[in-house]
Amino acid sequence: MNRRNSLISMGSLKHDRVRNRKGEDIGKIEEFMIDIQSGKIEYAVLSFGGFLGMGNKLFAIPWKALGLYEDEKTFLMDVDKELLERSPGFSRNDWPDFADHSFLDHIDRYYGRNVSSDLYTQ
């Protein structure tokens, strides 16, 4: 996608599916966390697990760790399901403090903040 066409509504991305490189469904996007100083999306909140929406666990995923297949309304994340299951998560009713730098540092280290994925991969 070229720069002219790189603007998209966040609402149109909410609830998009997320798959890994094996093609496995690893959840859906629930929310976006924006740095209010830069105006950039820093994290996506991924919902994974549970059954029929019950017992889902939420995960803060560094935005740069996700690629978007816009035509398919699907995100791509290079992670195995097992790694995601063991990753730091939270419940729908008990969100972490996203202003807590130690929490964000932990998330960044877990997923490797310096990922080379661009938002638009196709």
PDB file of N, CA and C in Angstrom:
ATOM      1  N   MET A   1       0.857  -1.166   0.000  1.00  0.00           N
ATOM      2  CA  MET A   1       0.000   0.000   0.000  1.00  0.00           C
ATOM      3  C   MET A   1       0.901   1.225   0.000  1.00  0.00           C
ATOM      4  N   ASN A   2       0.633   2.166  -0.854  1.00  0.00           N
ATOM      5  CA  ASN A   2       1.475   3.356  -0.879  1.00  0.00           C
ATOM      6  C   ASN A   2       1.013   4.361   0.173  1.00  0.00           C
ATOM      7  N   ARG A   3       1.843   5.365   0.389  1.00  0.00           N
ATOM      8  CA  ARG A   3       1.587   6.346   1.450  1.00  0.00           C
ATOM      9  C   ARG A   3       0.255   7.062   1.280  1.00  0.00           C
ATOM     10  N   ARG A   4      -0.129   7.362   0.046  1.00  0.00           N
ATOM     11  CA  ARG A   4      -1.394   8.078  -0.182  1.00  0.00           C
ATOM     12  C   ARG A   4      -2.598   7.290   0.317  1.00  0.00           C
ATOM     13  N   ASN A   5      -2.502   5.987   0.266  1.00  0.00           N
ATOM     14  CA  ASN A   5      -3.634   5.142   0.657  1.00  0.00           C
ATOM     15  C   ASN A   5      -3.438   4.518   2.035  1.00  0.00           C
ATOM     16  N   SER A   6      -2.560   5.085   2.856  1.00  0.00           N
ATOM     17  CA  SER A   6      -2.236   4.431   4.117  1.00  0.00           C
ATOM     18  C   SER A   6      -3.107   4.868   5.295  1.00  0.00           C
ATOM     19  N   LEU A   7      -4.109   5.681   5.068  1.00  0.00           N
ATOM     20  CA  LEU A   7      -5.019   6.069   6.144  1.00  0.00           C
ATOM     21  C   LEU A   7      -6.231   5.155   6.132  1.00  0.00           C
ATOM     22  N   ILE A   8      -6.619   4.721   7.329  1.00  0.00           N
ATOM     23  CA  ILE A   8      -7.749   3.806   7.445  1.00  0.00           C
ATOM     24  C   ILE A   8      -8.430   4.067   8.785  1.00  0.00           C
ATOM     25  N   SER A   9      -9.703   3.865   8.847  1.00  0.00           N
ATOM     26  CA  SER A   9     -10.459   4.049  10.080  1.00  0.00           C
ATOM     27  C   SER A   9     -10.119   2.935  11.067  1.00  0.00           C
ATOM     28  N   MET A  10      -9.832   3.312  12.322  1.00  0.00           N
ATOM     29  CA  MET A  10      -9.570   2.296  13.339  1.00  0.00           C
ATOM     30  C   MET A  10     -10.801   1.434  13.569  1.00  0.00           C
ATOM     31  N   GLY A  11     -11.970   2.041  13.452  1.00  0.00           N
ATOM     32  CA  GLY A  11     -13.205   1.283  13.639  1.00  0.00           C
ATOM     33  C   GLY A  11     -13.349   0.152  12.641  1.00  0.00           C
ATOM     34  N   SER A  12     -12.809   0.351  11.444  1.00  0.00           N
ATOM     35  CA  SER A  12     -12.908  -0.705  10.431  1.00  0.00           C
ATOM     36  C   SER A  12     -11.960  -1.866  10.717  1.00  0.00           C
ATOM     37  N   LEU A  13     -10.994  -1.663  11.615  1.00  0.00           N
ATOM     38  CA  LEU A  13     -10.040  -2.715  11.959  1.00  0.00           C
ATOM     39  C   LEU A  13     -10.437  -3.481  13.217  1.00  0.00           C
ATOM     40  N   LYS A  14     -11.299  -2.888  14.019  1.00  0.00           N
ATOM     41  CA  LYS A  14     -11.728  -3.525  15.260  1.00  0.00           C
ATOM     42  C   LYS A  14     -12.455  -4.822  14.944  1.00  0.00           C
ATOM     43  N   HIS A  15     -12.128  -5.848  15.680  1.00  0.00           N
ATOM     44  CA  HIS A  15     -12.703  -7.188  15.562  1.00  0.00           C
ATOM     45  C   HIS A  15     -12.188  -7.958  14.347  1.00  0.00           C
ATOM     46  N   ASP A  16     -11.180  -7.412  13.642  1.00  0.00           N
ATOM     47  CA  ASP A  16     -10.550  -8.187  12.571  1.00  0.00           C
ATOM     48  C   ASP A  16      -9.831  -9.382  13.179  1.00  0.00           C
ATOM     49  N   ARG A  17      -9.787 -10.466  12.431  1.00  0.00           N
ATOM     50  CA  ARG A  17      -9.129 -11.693  12.873  1.00  0.00           C
ATOM     51  C   ARG A  17      -7.616 -11.520  12.820  1.00  0.00           C
ATOM     52  N   VAL A  18      -6.918 -12.289  13.635  1.00  0.00           N
ATOM     53  CA  VAL A  18      -5.455 -12.327  13.626  1.00  0.00           C
ATOM     54  C   VAL A  18      -5.048 -13.774  13.406  1.00  0.00           C
ATOM     55  N   ARG A  19      -4.148 -13.971  12.450  1.00  0.00           N
ATOM     56  CA  ARG A  19      -3.630 -15.310  12.150  1.00  0.00           C
ATOM     57  C   ARG A  19      -2.119 -15.288  12.274  1.00  0.00           C
ATOM     58  N   ASN A  20      -1.548 -16.478  12.514  1.00  0.00           N
ATOM     59  CA  ASN A  20      -0.093 -16.565  12.515  1.00  0.00           C
ATOM     60  C   ASN A  20       0.379 -17.062  11.147  1.00  0.00           C
ATOM     61  N   ARG A  21       1.684 -17.221  10.997  1.00  0.00           N
ATOM     62  CA  ARG A  21       2.239 -17.617   9.694  1.00  0.00           C
ATOM     63  C   ARG A  21       1.826 -19.024   9.282  1.00  0.00           C
ATOM     64  N   LYS A  22       1.391 -19.832  10.233  1.00  0.00           N
ATOM     65  CA  LYS A  22       0.884 -21.175   9.919  1.00  0.00           C
ATOM     66  C   LYS A  22      -0.560 -21.125   9.437  1.00  0.00           C
ATOM     67  N   GLY A  23      -1.167 -19.946   9.474  1.00  0.00           N
ATOM     68  CA  GLY A  23      -2.558 -19.798   9.075  1.00  0.00           C
ATOM     69  C   GLY A  23      -3.542 -20.076  10.189  1.00  0.00           C
ATOM     70  N   GLU A  24      -3.034 -20.295  11.403  1.00  0.00           N
ATOM     71  CA  GLU A  24      -3.910 -20.574  12.543  1.00  0.00           C
ATOM     72  C   GLU A  24      -4.558 -19.283  13.038  1.00  0.00           C
ATOM     73  N   ASP A  25      -5.816 -19.367  13.379  1.00  0.00           N
ATOM     74  CA  ASP A  25      -6.544 -18.237  13.953  1.00  0.00           C
ATOM     75  C   ASP A  25      -6.085 -18.080  15.397  1.00  0.00           C
ATOM     76  N   ILE A  26      -5.526 -16.918  15.725  1.00  0.00           N
ATOM     77  CA  ILE A  26      -5.038 -16.713  17.091  1.00  0.00           C
ATOM     78  C   ILE A  26      -5.811 -15.622  17.828  1.00  0.00           C
ATOM     79  N   GLY A  27      -6.927 -15.194  17.280  1.00  0.00           N
ATOM     80  CA  GLY A  27      -7.761 -14.243  18.005  1.00  0.00           C
ATOM     81  C   GLY A  27      -8.284 -13.128  17.136  1.00  0.00           C
ATOM     82  N   LYS A  28      -8.713 -12.064  17.812  1.00  0.00           N
ATOM     83  CA  LYS A  28      -9.225 -10.895  17.093  1.00  0.00           C
ATOM     84  C   LYS A  28      -8.827  -9.626  17.835  1.00  0.00           C
ATOM     85  N   ILE A  29      -8.786  -8.530  17.090  1.00  0.00           N
ATOM     86  CA  ILE A  29      -8.425  -7.233  17.663  1.00  0.00           C
ATOM     87  C   ILE A  29      -9.629  -6.681  18.425  1.00  0.00           C
ATOM     88  N   GLU A  30      -9.410  -6.340  19.684  1.00  0.00           N
ATOM     89  CA  GLU A  30     -10.473  -5.783  20.524  1.00  0.00           C
ATOM     90  C   GLU A  30     -10.366  -4.269  20.671  1.00  0.00           C
ATOM     91  N   GLU A  31      -9.135  -3.776  20.720  1.00  0.00           N
ATOM     92  CA  GLU A  31      -8.947  -2.357  21.019  1.00  0.00           C
ATOM     93  C   GLU A  31      -7.579  -1.913  20.541  1.00  0.00           C
ATOM     94  N   PHE A  32      -7.367  -0.606  20.530  1.00  0.00           N
ATOM     95  CA  PHE A  32      -6.092  -0.010  20.151  1.00  0.00           C
ATOM     96  C   PHE A  32      -5.654   0.936  21.254  1.00  0.00           C
ATOM     97  N   MET A  33      -4.359   0.953  21.545  1.00  0.00           N
ATOM     98  CA  MET A  33      -3.800   1.851  22.543  1.00  0.00           C
ATOM     99  C   MET A  33      -2.931   2.870  21.808  1.00  0.00           C
ATOM    100  N   ILE A  34      -3.276   4.143  21.958  1.00  0.00           N
ATOM    101  CA  ILE A  34      -2.643   5.221  21.211  1.00  0.00           C
ATOM    102  C   ILE A  34      -1.785   6.078  22.141  1.00  0.00           C
ATOM    103  N   ASP A  35      -0.595   6.409  21.695  1.00  0.00           N
ATOM    104  CA  ASP A  35       0.261   7.355  22.402  1.00  0.00           C
ATOM    105  C   ASP A  35      -0.317   8.745  22.147  1.00  0.00           C
ATOM    106  N   ILE A  36      -0.833   9.379  23.180  1.00  0.00           N
ATOM    107  CA  ILE A  36      -1.523  10.657  22.966  1.00  0.00           C
ATOM    108  C   ILE A  36      -0.561  11.785  22.587  1.00  0.00           C
ATOM    109  N   GLN A  37       0.723  11.620  22.879  1.00  0.00           N
ATOM    110  CA  GLN A  37       1.686  12.657  22.492  1.00  0.00           C
ATOM    111  C   GLN A  37       2.049  12.568  21.013  1.00  0.00           C
ATOM    112  N   SER A  38       2.255  11.350  20.514  1.00  0.00           N
ATOM    113  CA  SER A  38       2.651  11.187  19.105  1.00  0.00           C
ATOM    114  C   SER A  38       1.454  10.982  18.189  1.00  0.00           C
ATOM    115  N   GLY A  39       0.335  10.515  18.769  1.00  0.00           N
ATOM    116  CA  GLY A  39      -0.839  10.209  17.962  1.00  0.00           C
ATOM    117  C   GLY A  39      -0.742   8.874  17.254  1.00  0.00           C
ATOM    118  N   LYS A  40       0.274   8.083  17.565  1.00  0.00           N
ATOM    119  CA  LYS A  40       0.487   6.798  16.893  1.00  0.00           C
ATOM    120  C   LYS A  40      -0.068   5.644  17.718  1.00  0.00           C
ATOM    121  N   ILE A  41      -0.532   4.619  17.017  1.00  0.00           N
ATOM    122  CA  ILE A  41      -0.948   3.388  17.689  1.00  0.00           C
ATOM    123  C   ILE A  41       0.317   2.693  18.177  1.00  0.00           C
ATOM    124  N   GLU A  42       0.364   2.340  19.444  1.00  0.00           N
ATOM    125  CA  GLU A  42       1.520   1.638  20.004  1.00  0.00           C
ATOM    126  C   GLU A  42       1.229   0.165  20.263  1.00  0.00           C
ATOM    127  N   TYR A  43      -0.022  -0.150  20.641  1.00  0.00           N
ATOM    128  CA  TYR A  43      -0.393  -1.526  20.965  1.00  0.00           C
ATOM    129  C   TYR A  43      -1.791  -1.815  20.439  1.00  0.00           C
ATOM    130  N   ALA A  44      -1.987  -3.064  20.076  1.00  0.00           N
ATOM    131  CA  ALA A  44      -3.327  -3.565  19.797  1.00  0.00           C
ATOM    132  C   ALA A  44      -3.663  -4.522  20.933  1.00  0.00           C
ATOM    133  N   VAL A  45      -4.910  -4.564  21.323  1.00  0.00           N
ATOM    134  CA  VAL A  45      -5.346  -5.513  22.346  1.00  0.00           C
ATOM    135  C   VAL A  45      -6.003  -6.671  21.619  1.00  0.00           C
ATOM    136  N   LEU A  46      -5.423  -7.847  21.797  1.00  0.00           N
ATOM    137  CA  LEU A  46      -5.854  -9.069  21.131  1.00  0.00           C
ATOM    138  C   LEU A  46      -6.655  -9.922  22.099  1.00  0.00           C
ATOM    139  N   SER A  47      -7.775 -10.444  21.647  1.00  0.00           N
ATOM    140  CA  SER A  47      -8.591 -11.375  22.423  1.00  0.00           C
ATOM    141  C   SER A  47      -8.310 -12.777  21.907  1.00  0.00           C
ATOM    142  N   PHE A  48      -8.004 -13.699  22.826  1.00  0.00           N
ATOM    143  CA  PHE A  48      -7.638 -15.060  22.435  1.00  0.00           C
ATOM    144  C   PHE A  48      -8.123 -16.047  23.483  1.00  0.00           C
ATOM    145  N   GLY A  49      -8.536 -17.218  23.032  1.00  0.00           N
ATOM    146  CA  GLY A  49      -8.922 -18.288  23.940  1.00  0.00           C
ATOM    147  C   GLY A  49     -10.393 -18.238  24.284  1.00  0.00           C
ATOM    148  N   GLY A  50     -10.757 -19.019  25.258  1.00  0.00           N
ATOM    149  CA  GLY A  50     -12.147 -19.063  25.683  1.00  0.00           C
ATOM    150  C   GLY A  50     -13.020 -19.840  24.710  1.00  0.00           C
ATOM    151  N   PHE A  51     -14.314 -19.819  24.977  1.00  0.00           N
ATOM    152  CA  PHE A  51     -15.278 -20.536  24.151  1.00  0.00           C
ATOM    153  C   PHE A  51     -16.508 -19.660  23.996  1.00  0.00           C
ATOM    154  N   LEU A  52     -16.895 -19.388  22.769  1.00  0.00           N
ATOM    155  CA  LEU A  52     -18.045 -18.538  22.456  1.00  0.00           C
ATOM    156  C   LEU A  52     -17.971 -17.187  23.171  1.00  0.00           C
ATOM    157  N   GLY A  53     -16.753 -16.643  23.212  1.00  0.00           N
ATOM    158  CA  GLY A  53     -16.566 -15.328  23.823  1.00  0.00           C
ATOM    159  C   GLY A  53     -16.426 -15.345  25.332  1.00  0.00           C
ATOM    160  N   MET A  54     -16.585 -16.511  25.965  1.00  0.00           N
ATOM    161  CA  MET A  54     -16.474 -16.619  27.416  1.00  0.00           C
ATOM    162  C   MET A  54     -15.061 -17.069  27.777  1.00  0.00           C
ATOM    163  N   GLY A  55     -14.458 -16.402  28.748  1.00  0.00           N
ATOM    164  CA  GLY A  55     -13.143 -16.793  29.230  1.00  0.00           C
ATOM    165  C   GLY A  55     -11.988 -16.360  28.349  1.00  0.00           C
ATOM    166  N   ASN A  56     -12.252 -15.467  27.404  1.00  0.00           N
ATOM    167  CA  ASN A  56     -11.165 -14.965  26.568  1.00  0.00           C
ATOM    168  C   ASN A  56     -10.156 -14.223  27.425  1.00  0.00           C
ATOM    169  N   LYS A  57      -8.897 -14.362  27.050  1.00  0.00           N
ATOM    170  CA  LYS A  57      -7.819 -13.627  27.678  1.00  0.00           C
ATOM    171  C   LYS A  57      -7.416 -12.514  26.722  1.00  0.00           C
ATOM    172  N   LEU A  58      -7.040 -11.366  27.261  1.00  0.00           N
ATOM    173  CA  LEU A  58      -6.618 -10.240  26.436  1.00  0.00           C
ATOM    174  C   LEU A  58      -5.109 -10.067  26.534  1.00  0.00           C
ATOM    175  N   PHE A  59      -4.516  -9.610  25.438  1.00  0.00           N
ATOM    176  CA  PHE A  59      -3.076  -9.423  25.359  1.00  0.00           C
ATOM    177  C   PHE A  59      -2.767  -8.089  24.706  1.00  0.00           C
ATOM    178  N   ALA A  60      -1.808  -7.362  25.260  1.00  0.00           N
ATOM    179  CA  ALA A  60      -1.293  -6.154  24.616  1.00  0.00           C
ATOM    180  C   ALA A  60      -0.198  -6.601  23.655  1.00  0.00           C
ATOM    181  N   ILE A  61      -0.375  -6.288  22.378  1.00  0.00           N
ATOM    182  CA  ILE A  61       0.577  -6.687  21.344  1.00  0.00           C
ATOM    183  C   ILE A  61       1.194  -5.420  20.754  1.00  0.00           C
ATOM    184  N   PRO A  62       2.530  -5.339  20.701  1.00  0.00           N
ATOM    185  CA  PRO A  62       3.127  -4.166  20.047  1.00  0.00           C
ATOM    186  C   PRO A  62       2.608  -4.023  18.616  1.00  0.00           C
ATOM    187  N   TRP A  63       2.195  -2.832  18.261  1.00  0.00           N
ATOM    188  CA  TRP A  63       1.598  -2.575  16.948  1.00  0.00           C
ATOM    189  C   TRP A  63       2.511  -3.022  15.816  1.00  0.00           C
ATOM    190  N   LYS A  64       3.827  -2.800  15.986  1.00  0.00           N
ATOM    191  CA  LYS A  64       4.776  -3.165  14.934  1.00  0.00           C
ATOM    192  C   LYS A  64       4.904  -4.673  14.757  1.00  0.00           C
ATOM    193  N   ALA A  65       4.357  -5.449  15.682  1.00  0.00           N
ATOM    194  CA  ALA A  65       4.410  -6.907  15.560  1.00  0.00           C
ATOM    195  C   ALA A  65       3.296  -7.444  14.667  1.00  0.00           C
ATOM    196  N   LEU A  66       2.417  -6.567  14.208  1.00  0.00           N
ATOM    197  CA  LEU A  66       1.279  -6.982  13.386  1.00  0.00           C
ATOM    198  C   LEU A  66       1.432  -6.484  11.954  1.00  0.00           C
ATOM    199  N   GLY A  67       1.063  -7.322  11.016  1.00  0.00           N
ATOM    200  CA  GLY A  67       0.958  -6.921   9.617  1.00  0.00           C
ATOM    201  C   GLY A  67      -0.504  -7.009   9.225  1.00  0.00           C
ATOM    202  N   LEU A  68      -0.918  -6.243   8.256  1.00  0.00           N
ATOM    203  CA  LEU A  68      -2.326  -6.207   7.855  1.00  0.00           C
ATOM    204  C   LEU A  68      -2.491  -6.667   6.418  1.00  0.00           C
ATOM    205  N   TYR A  69      -3.366  -7.640   6.229  1.00  0.00           N
ATOM    206  CA  TYR A  69      -3.814  -8.026   4.896  1.00  0.00           C
ATOM    207  C   TYR A  69      -5.166  -7.361   4.715  1.00  0.00           C
ATOM    208  N   GLU A  70      -5.150  -6.160   4.200  1.00  0.00           N
ATOM    209  CA  GLU A  70      -6.360  -5.340   4.136  1.00  0.00           C
ATOM    210  C   GLU A  70      -7.463  -6.002   3.325  1.00  0.00           C
ATOM    211  N   ASP A  71      -7.106  -6.656   2.212  1.00  0.00           N
ATOM    212  CA  ASP A  71      -8.119  -7.286   1.368  1.00  0.00           C
ATOM    213  C   ASP A  71      -8.883  -8.378   2.107  1.00  0.00           C
ATOM    214  N   GLU A  72      -8.202  -9.038   3.042  1.00  0.00           N
ATOM    215  CA  GLU A  72      -8.831 -10.136   3.782  1.00  0.00           C
ATOM    216  C   GLU A  72      -9.355  -9.691   5.144  1.00  0.00           C
ATOM    217  N   LYS A  73      -9.140  -8.405   5.506  1.00  0.00           N
ATOM    218  CA  LYS A  73      -9.502  -7.915   6.835  1.00  0.00           C
ATOM    219  C   LYS A  73      -8.931  -8.820   7.919  1.00  0.00           C
ATOM    220  N   THR A  74      -7.654  -9.162   7.745  1.00  0.00           N
ATOM    221  CA  THR A  74      -6.965 -10.064   8.655  1.00  0.00           C
ATOM    222  C   THR A  74      -5.590  -9.502   8.990  1.00  0.00           C
ATOM    223  N   PHE A  75      -5.219  -9.622  10.252  1.00  0.00           N
ATOM    224  CA  PHE A  75      -3.868  -9.266  10.676  1.00  0.00           C
ATOM    225  C   PHE A  75      -3.013 -10.521  10.711  1.00  0.00           C
ATOM    226  N   LEU A  76      -1.720 -10.341  10.526  1.00  0.00           N
ATOM    227  CA  LEU A  76      -0.754 -11.426  10.608  1.00  0.00           C
ATOM    228  C   LEU A  76       0.210 -11.118  11.743  1.00  0.00           C
ATOM    229  N   MET A  77       0.465 -12.135  12.567  1.00  0.00           N
ATOM    230  CA  MET A  77       1.435 -11.999  13.648  1.00  0.00           C
ATOM    231  C   MET A  77       2.303 -13.239  13.653  1.00  0.00           C
ATOM    232  N   ASP A  78       3.601 -13.050  13.682  1.00  0.00           N
ATOM    233  CA  ASP A  78       4.541 -14.163  13.643  1.00  0.00           C
ATOM    234  C   ASP A  78       4.749 -14.703  15.059  1.00  0.00           C
ATOM    235  N   VAL A  79       3.791 -15.513  15.515  1.00  0.00           N
ATOM    236  CA  VAL A  79       3.849 -16.082  16.863  1.00  0.00           C
ATOM    237  C   VAL A  79       3.129 -17.429  16.855  1.00  0.00           C
ATOM    238  N   ASP A  80       3.671 -18.392  17.589  1.00  0.00           N
ATOM    239  CA  ASP A  80       2.986 -19.674  17.755  1.00  0.00           C
ATOM    240  C   ASP A  80       1.896 -19.534  18.807  1.00  0.00           C
ATOM    241  N   LYS A  81       0.849 -20.341  18.661  1.00  0.00           N
ATOM    242  CA  LYS A  81      -0.249 -20.296  19.640  1.00  0.00           C
ATOM    243  C   LYS A  81       0.257 -20.555  21.057  1.00  0.00           C
ATOM    244  N   GLU A  82       1.211 -21.489  21.183  1.00  0.00           N
ATOM    245  CA  GLU A  82       1.729 -21.852  22.504  1.00  0.00           C
ATOM    246  C   GLU A  82       2.423 -20.665  23.174  1.00  0.00           C
ATOM    247  N   LEU A  83       3.178 -19.899  22.396  1.00  0.00           N
ATOM    248  CA  LEU A  83       3.842 -18.718  22.948  1.00  0.00           C
ATOM    249  C   LEU A  83       2.806 -17.693  23.397  1.00  0.00           C
ATOM    250  N   LEU A  84       1.776 -17.519  22.604  1.00  0.00           N
ATOM    251  CA  LEU A  84       0.716 -16.571  22.953  1.00  0.00           C
ATOM    252  C   LEU A  84      -0.005 -17.011  24.225  1.00  0.00           C
ATOM    253  N   GLU A  85      -0.259 -18.309  24.363  1.00  0.00           N
ATOM    254  CA  GLU A  85      -0.944 -18.818  25.557  1.00  0.00           C
ATOM    255  C   GLU A  85      -0.143 -18.541  26.826  1.00  0.00           C
ATOM    256  N   ARG A  86       1.192 -18.526  26.715  1.00  0.00           N
ATOM    257  CA  ARG A  86       2.059 -18.291  27.876  1.00  0.00           C
ATOM    258  C   ARG A  86       2.394 -16.813  28.077  1.00  0.00           C
ATOM    259  N   SER A  87       1.975 -15.974  27.154  1.00  0.00           N
ATOM    260  CA  SER A  87       2.361 -14.563  27.231  1.00  0.00           C
ATOM    261  C   SER A  87       1.571 -13.832  28.317  1.00  0.00           C
ATOM    262  N   PRO A  88       2.118 -12.695  28.774  1.00  0.00           N
ATOM    263  CA  PRO A  88       1.413 -11.927  29.805  1.00  0.00           C
ATOM    264  C   PRO A  88       0.089 -11.394  29.271  1.00  0.00           C
ATOM    265  N   GLY A  89      -0.967 -11.699  29.964  1.00  0.00           N
ATOM    266  CA  GLY A  89      -2.290 -11.270  29.522  1.00  0.00           C
ATOM    267  C   GLY A  89      -3.084 -10.699  30.678  1.00  0.00           C
ATOM    268  N   PHE A  90      -4.321 -10.362  30.394  1.00  0.00           N
ATOM    269  CA  PHE A  90      -5.186  -9.785  31.415  1.00  0.00           C
ATOM    270  C   PHE A  90      -6.633 -10.098  31.069  1.00  0.00           C
ATOM    271  N   SER A  91      -7.505  -9.908  32.046  1.00  0.00           N
ATOM    272  CA  SER A  91      -8.919 -10.207  31.832  1.00  0.00           C
ATOM    273  C   SER A  91      -9.651  -8.958  31.348  1.00  0.00           C
ATOM    274  N   ARG A  92     -10.793  -9.172  30.786  1.00  0.00           N
ATOM    275  CA  ARG A  92     -11.631  -8.084  30.278  1.00  0.00           C
ATOM    276  C   ARG A  92     -12.017  -7.100  31.394  1.00  0.00           C
ATOM    277  N   ASN A  93     -12.088  -7.594  32.629  1.00  0.00           N
ATOM    278  CA  ASN A  93     -12.502  -6.760  33.763  1.00  0.00           C
ATOM    279  C   ASN A  93     -11.343  -6.224  34.596  1.00  0.00           C
ATOM    280  N   ASP A  94     -10.103  -6.542  34.211  1.00  0.00           N
ATOM    281  CA  ASP A  94      -8.953  -6.128  35.018  1.00  0.00           C
ATOM    282  C   ASP A  94      -7.791  -5.741  34.100  1.00  0.00           C
ATOM    283  N   TRP A  95      -7.929  -4.583  33.451  1.00  0.00           N
ATOM    284  CA  TRP A  95      -6.914  -4.102  32.512  1.00  0.00           C
ATOM    285  C   TRP A  95      -5.703  -3.574  33.269  1.00  0.00           C
ATOM    286  N   PRO A  96      -4.518  -3.765  32.709  1.00  0.00           N
ATOM    287  CA  PRO A  96      -3.316  -3.198  33.327  1.00  0.00           C
ATOM    288  C   PRO A  96      -3.266  -1.685  33.112  1.00  0.00           C
ATOM    289  N   ASP A  97      -2.377  -1.053  33.827  1.00  0.00           N
ATOM    290  CA  ASP A  97      -2.164   0.384  33.664  1.00  0.00           C
ATOM    291  C   ASP A  97      -1.196   0.594  32.497  1.00  0.00           C
ATOM    292  N   PHE A  98      -1.717   1.046  31.357  1.00  0.00           N
ATOM    293  CA  PHE A  98      -0.876   1.245  30.185  1.00  0.00           C
ATOM    294  C   PHE A  98       0.052   2.451  30.339  1.00  0.00           C
ATOM    295  N   ALA A  99      -0.089   3.210  31.410  1.00  0.00           N
ATOM    296  CA  ALA A  99       0.849   4.298  31.703  1.00  0.00           C
ATOM    297  C   ALA A  99       2.043   3.791  32.510  1.00  0.00           C
ATOM    298  N   ASP A 100       1.984   2.529  32.944  1.00  0.00           N
ATOM    299  CA  ASP A 100       3.054   1.915  33.727  1.00  0.00           C
ATOM    300  C   ASP A 100       4.158   1.445  32.782  1.00  0.00           C
ATOM    301  N   HIS A 101       5.283   2.142  32.814  1.00  0.00           N
ATOM    302  CA  HIS A 101       6.379   1.824  31.889  1.00  0.00           C
ATOM    303  C   HIS A 101       6.952   0.430  32.122  1.00  0.00           C
ATOM    304  N   SER A 102       6.921  -0.067  33.360  1.00  0.00           N
ATOM    305  CA  SER A 102       7.448  -1.412  33.611  1.00  0.00           C
ATOM    306  C   SER A 102       6.573  -2.465  32.927  1.00  0.00           C
ATOM    307  N   PHE A 103       5.262  -2.258  32.900  1.00  0.00           N
ATOM    308  CA  PHE A 103       4.370  -3.178  32.185  1.00  0.00           C
ATOM    309  C   PHE A 103       4.681  -3.163  30.692  1.00  0.00           C
ATOM    310  N   LEU A 104       4.800  -1.964  30.113  1.00  0.00           N
ATOM    311  CA  LEU A 104       5.067  -1.850  28.678  1.00  0.00           C
ATOM    312  C   LEU A 104       6.440  -2.401  28.318  1.00  0.00           C
ATOM    313  N   ASP A 105       7.442  -2.163  29.176  1.00  0.00           N
ATOM    314  CA  ASP A 105       8.779  -2.718  28.932  1.00  0.00           C
ATOM    315  C   ASP A 105       8.735  -4.236  28.920  1.00  0.00           C
ATOM    316  N   HIS A 106       7.963  -4.805  29.843  1.00  0.00           N
ATOM    317  CA  HIS A 106       7.818  -6.264  29.910  1.00  0.00           C
ATOM    318  C   HIS A 106       7.184  -6.801  28.622  1.00  0.00           C
ATOM    319  N   ILE A 107       6.134  -6.157  28.151  1.00  0.00           N
ATOM    320  CA  ILE A 107       5.471  -6.566  26.906  1.00  0.00           C
ATOM    321  C   ILE A 107       6.434  -6.442  25.733  1.00  0.00           C
ATOM    322  N   ASP A 108       7.131  -5.328  25.646  1.00  0.00           N
ATOM    323  CA  ASP A 108       8.070  -5.110  24.545  1.00  0.00           C
ATOM    324  C   ASP A 108       9.171  -6.161  24.530  1.00  0.00           C
ATOM    325  N   ARG A 109       9.709  -6.485  25.701  1.00  0.00           N
ATOM    326  CA  ARG A 109      10.750  -7.519  25.771  1.00  0.00           C
ATOM    327  C   ARG A 109      10.193  -8.883  25.384  1.00  0.00           C
ATOM    328  N   TYR A 110       8.981  -9.183  25.832  1.00  0.00           N
ATOM    329  CA  TYR A 110       8.393 -10.495  25.552  1.00  0.00           C
ATOM    330  C   TYR A 110       8.233 -10.718  24.050  1.00  0.00           C
ATOM    331  N   TYR A 111       7.725  -9.740  23.359  1.00  0.00           N
ATOM    332  CA  TYR A 111       7.465  -9.887  21.928  1.00  0.00           C
ATOM    333  C   TYR A 111       8.616  -9.413  21.057  1.00  0.00           C
ATOM    334  N   GLY A 112       9.613  -8.770  21.637  1.00  0.00           N
ATOM    335  CA  GLY A 112      10.722  -8.252  20.850  1.00  0.00           C
ATOM    336  C   GLY A 112      10.290  -7.011  20.100  1.00  0.00           C
ATOM    337  N   ARG A 113      10.471  -5.859  20.699  1.00  0.00           N
ATOM    338  CA  ARG A 113       9.955  -4.594  20.173  1.00  0.00           C
ATOM    339  C   ARG A 113      10.512  -4.252  18.800  1.00  0.00           C
ATOM    340  N   ASN A 114      11.710  -4.660  18.498  1.00  0.00           N
ATOM    341  CA  ASN A 114      12.325  -4.275  17.237  1.00  0.00           C
ATOM    342  C   ASN A 114      11.961  -5.241  16.120  1.00  0.00           C
ATOM    343  N   VAL A 115      10.693  -5.440  15.909  1.00  0.00           N
ATOM    344  CA  VAL A 115      10.245  -6.301  14.823  1.00  0.00           C
ATOM    345  C   VAL A 115      10.258  -5.505  13.535  1.00  0.00           C
ATOM    346  N   SER A 116      10.436  -6.215  12.423  1.00  0.00           N
ATOM    347  CA  SER A 116      10.596  -5.504  11.152  1.00  0.00           C
ATOM    348  C   SER A 116       9.316  -5.443  10.345  1.00  0.00           C
ATOM    349  N   SER A 117       8.238  -5.962  10.876  1.00  0.00           N
ATOM    350  CA  SER A 117       6.975  -5.975  10.140  1.00  0.00           C
ATOM    351  C   SER A 117       6.452  -4.560   9.933  1.00  0.00           C
ATOM    352  N   ASP A 118       5.956  -4.300   8.741  1.00  0.00           N
ATOM    353  CA  ASP A 118       5.248  -3.056   8.471  1.00  0.00           C
ATOM    354  C   ASP A 118       3.765  -3.326   8.627  1.00  0.00           C
ATOM    355  N   LEU A 119       2.995  -2.293   8.890  1.00  0.00           N
ATOM    356  CA  LEU A 119       1.552  -2.439   9.035  1.00  0.00           C
ATOM    357  C   LEU A 119       0.929  -3.026   7.786  1.00  0.00           C
ATOM    358  N   TYR A 120       1.313  -2.528   6.637  1.00  0.00           N
ATOM    359  CA  TYR A 120       0.701  -2.976   5.388  1.00  0.00           C
ATOM    360  C   TYR A 120       1.647  -3.919   4.671  1.00  0.00           C
ATOM    361  N   THR A 121       1.291  -5.190   4.635  1.00  0.00           N
ATOM    362  CA  THR A 121       2.161  -6.190   4.036  1.00  0.00           C
ATOM    363  C   THR A 121       1.725  -6.562   2.639  1.00  0.00           C
ATOM    364  N   GLN A 122       0.551  -6.188   2.235  1.00  0.00           N
ATOM    365  CA  GLN A 122       0.073  -6.488   0.881  1.00  0.00           C
ATOM    366  C   GLN A 122      -0.758  -5.358   0.384  1.00  0.00           C
TER     367      GLN A 122
END
